[in-house]
Amino acid sequence: MVEDTNSVPNDSEERVPIMQQILDNPFLLLFIGVAMPTVFYIVWGVMEIVTIPIAK
């Protein structure tokens, strides 16, 4: 009898979840940790500038 190798997934063929790939990459975490606050504060600053009333 021949075993079906496709029905039993090997540990090496098992896919790593995307969230684990993100959390395992320190440089990606560093980039996200710098980029997210930067974008947040830029958007916040633009919103503050837009809400300033126009001088007459």
N, C-alpha and C. Protein backbone atom coordinates (compact mmCIF):
# COMPACT_ATOMS: atom_id res chain seq x y z
N MET A 1 0.84 -1.18 0.00
CA MET A 1 0.00 0.00 0.00
C MET A 1 0.88 1.24 0.00
N VAL A 2 0.55 2.20 -0.82
CA VAL A 2 1.35 3.42 -0.94
C VAL A 2 0.69 4.53 -0.12
N GLU A 3 1.50 5.23 0.68
CA GLU A 3 0.96 6.33 1.48
C GLU A 3 0.74 7.56 0.61
N ASP A 4 -0.33 8.28 0.90
CA ASP A 4 -0.60 9.53 0.19
C ASP A 4 0.11 10.66 0.92
N THR A 5 1.17 11.20 0.33
CA THR A 5 1.95 12.24 1.00
C THR A 5 1.26 13.59 0.96
N ASN A 6 0.27 13.77 0.11
CA ASN A 6 -0.42 15.06 0.02
C ASN A 6 -1.41 15.27 1.17
N SER A 7 -1.87 14.20 1.78
CA SER A 7 -2.88 14.34 2.83
C SER A 7 -2.27 14.69 4.18
N VAL A 8 -0.98 14.44 4.37
CA VAL A 8 -0.33 14.72 5.65
C VAL A 8 0.64 15.89 5.44
N PRO A 9 0.31 17.09 5.96
CA PRO A 9 1.23 18.22 5.76
C PRO A 9 2.47 18.08 6.63
N ASN A 10 3.60 18.34 6.04
CA ASN A 10 4.86 18.34 6.79
C ASN A 10 5.01 19.65 7.52
N ASP A 11 5.82 19.65 8.58
CA ASP A 11 6.05 20.88 9.33
C ASP A 11 6.76 21.92 8.47
N SER A 12 7.61 21.47 7.56
CA SER A 12 8.35 22.41 6.73
C SER A 12 7.46 23.06 5.67
N GLU A 13 6.37 22.40 5.30
CA GLU A 13 5.47 22.92 4.28
C GLU A 13 4.34 23.76 4.88
N GLU A 14 4.23 23.77 6.20
CA GLU A 14 3.15 24.51 6.85
C GLU A 14 3.40 26.01 6.72
N ARG A 15 2.36 26.76 6.33
CA ARG A 15 2.50 28.20 6.11
C ARG A 15 2.51 28.94 7.45
N VAL A 16 3.37 29.95 7.53
CA VAL A 16 3.45 30.78 8.73
C VAL A 16 2.40 31.88 8.60
N PRO A 17 1.59 32.11 9.63
CA PRO A 17 0.57 33.16 9.55
C PRO A 17 1.20 34.54 9.31
N ILE A 18 0.47 35.41 8.63
CA ILE A 18 1.00 36.72 8.25
C ILE A 18 1.30 37.58 9.48
N MET A 19 0.48 37.48 10.52
CA MET A 19 0.73 38.28 11.72
C MET A 19 2.02 37.84 12.41
N GLN A 20 2.32 36.56 12.39
CA GLN A 20 3.56 36.07 12.97
C GLN A 20 4.76 36.54 12.16
N GLN A 21 4.62 36.59 10.84
CA GLN A 21 5.70 37.09 10.00
C GLN A 21 5.99 38.56 10.30
N ILE A 22 4.93 39.35 10.53
CA ILE A 22 5.11 40.77 10.85
C ILE A 22 5.78 40.94 12.20
N LEU A 23 5.30 40.18 13.19
CA LEU A 23 5.84 40.33 14.55
C LEU A 23 7.24 39.74 14.69
N ASP A 24 7.65 38.86 13.79
CA ASP A 24 8.99 38.28 13.84
C ASP A 24 10.03 39.15 13.13
N ASN A 25 9.62 40.21 12.47
CA ASN A 25 10.54 41.04 11.71
C ASN A 25 10.78 42.35 12.47
N PRO A 26 11.94 42.49 13.15
CA PRO A 26 12.16 43.69 13.96
C PRO A 26 12.28 44.97 13.13
N PHE A 27 12.81 44.87 11.92
CA PHE A 27 12.94 46.07 11.10
C PHE A 27 11.59 46.56 10.59
N LEU A 28 10.70 45.64 10.30
CA LEU A 28 9.35 46.03 9.91
C LEU A 28 8.62 46.67 11.08
N LEU A 29 8.80 46.11 12.29
CA LEU A 29 8.19 46.72 13.47
C LEU A 29 8.74 48.11 13.72
N LEU A 30 10.05 48.30 13.52
CA LEU A 30 10.66 49.62 13.67
C LEU A 30 10.07 50.60 12.67
N PHE A 31 9.95 50.17 11.41
CA PHE A 31 9.38 51.04 10.38
C PHE A 31 7.94 51.42 10.71
N ILE A 32 7.14 50.44 11.12
CA ILE A 32 5.74 50.72 11.47
C ILE A 32 5.67 51.64 12.69
N GLY A 33 6.56 51.42 13.65
CA GLY A 33 6.57 52.24 14.86
C GLY A 33 6.97 53.68 14.61
N VAL A 34 7.72 53.93 13.54
CA VAL A 34 8.10 55.30 13.20
C VAL A 34 7.10 55.91 12.22
N ALA A 35 6.66 55.11 11.25
CA ALA A 35 5.79 55.63 10.19
C ALA A 35 4.38 55.96 10.68
N MET A 36 3.81 55.11 11.52
CA MET A 36 2.43 55.34 11.96
C MET A 36 2.28 56.64 12.74
N PRO A 37 3.10 56.91 13.77
CA PRO A 37 2.96 58.19 14.47
C PRO A 37 3.24 59.39 13.56
N THR A 38 4.20 59.24 12.64
CA THR A 38 4.51 60.33 11.71
C THR A 38 3.30 60.68 10.86
N VAL A 39 2.68 59.68 10.28
CA VAL A 39 1.49 59.91 9.45
C VAL A 39 0.36 60.48 10.31
N PHE A 40 0.19 59.95 11.51
CA PHE A 40 -0.87 60.42 12.40
C PHE A 40 -0.69 61.91 12.72
N TYR A 41 0.53 62.32 13.08
CA TYR A 41 0.76 63.72 13.44
C TYR A 41 0.70 64.64 12.23
N ILE A 42 1.08 64.17 11.06
CA ILE A 42 0.95 65.00 9.86
C ILE A 42 -0.53 65.23 9.55
N VAL A 43 -1.33 64.17 9.61
CA VAL A 43 -2.78 64.32 9.35
C VAL A 43 -3.41 65.22 10.41
N TRP A 44 -3.02 65.05 11.66
CA TRP A 44 -3.55 65.88 12.75
C TRP A 44 -3.17 67.35 12.52
N GLY A 45 -1.94 67.61 12.12
CA GLY A 45 -1.50 68.99 11.85
C GLY A 45 -2.25 69.61 10.69
N VAL A 46 -2.46 68.85 9.64
CA VAL A 46 -3.22 69.37 8.49
C VAL A 46 -4.65 69.68 8.90
N MET A 47 -5.25 68.83 9.71
CA MET A 47 -6.62 69.09 10.18
C MET A 47 -6.66 70.36 11.03
N GLU A 48 -5.65 70.57 11.86
CA GLU A 48 -5.60 71.78 12.68
C GLU A 48 -5.44 73.03 11.82
N ILE A 49 -4.61 72.96 10.80
CA ILE A 49 -4.40 74.12 9.91
C ILE A 49 -5.68 74.43 9.14
N VAL A 50 -6.38 73.40 8.70
CA VAL A 50 -7.62 73.62 7.92
C VAL A 50 -8.69 74.25 8.79
N THR A 51 -8.70 73.98 10.09
CA THR A 51 -9.75 74.52 10.95
C THR A 51 -9.47 75.95 11.42
N ILE A 52 -8.30 76.50 11.09
CA ILE A 52 -8.01 77.88 11.48
C ILE A 52 -8.89 78.82 10.63
N PRO A 53 -9.62 79.73 11.25
CA PRO A 53 -10.47 80.63 10.44
C PRO A 53 -9.61 81.60 9.61
N ILE A 54 -10.15 81.94 8.45
CA ILE A 54 -9.45 82.84 7.54
C ILE A 54 -9.59 84.28 8.04
N ALA A 55 -8.48 85.02 8.07
CA ALA A 55 -8.50 86.42 8.54
C ALA A 55 -9.19 87.30 7.52
N LYS A 56 -9.91 88.32 7.99
CA LYS A 56 -10.60 89.24 7.08
C LYS A 56 -9.88 90.54 6.96
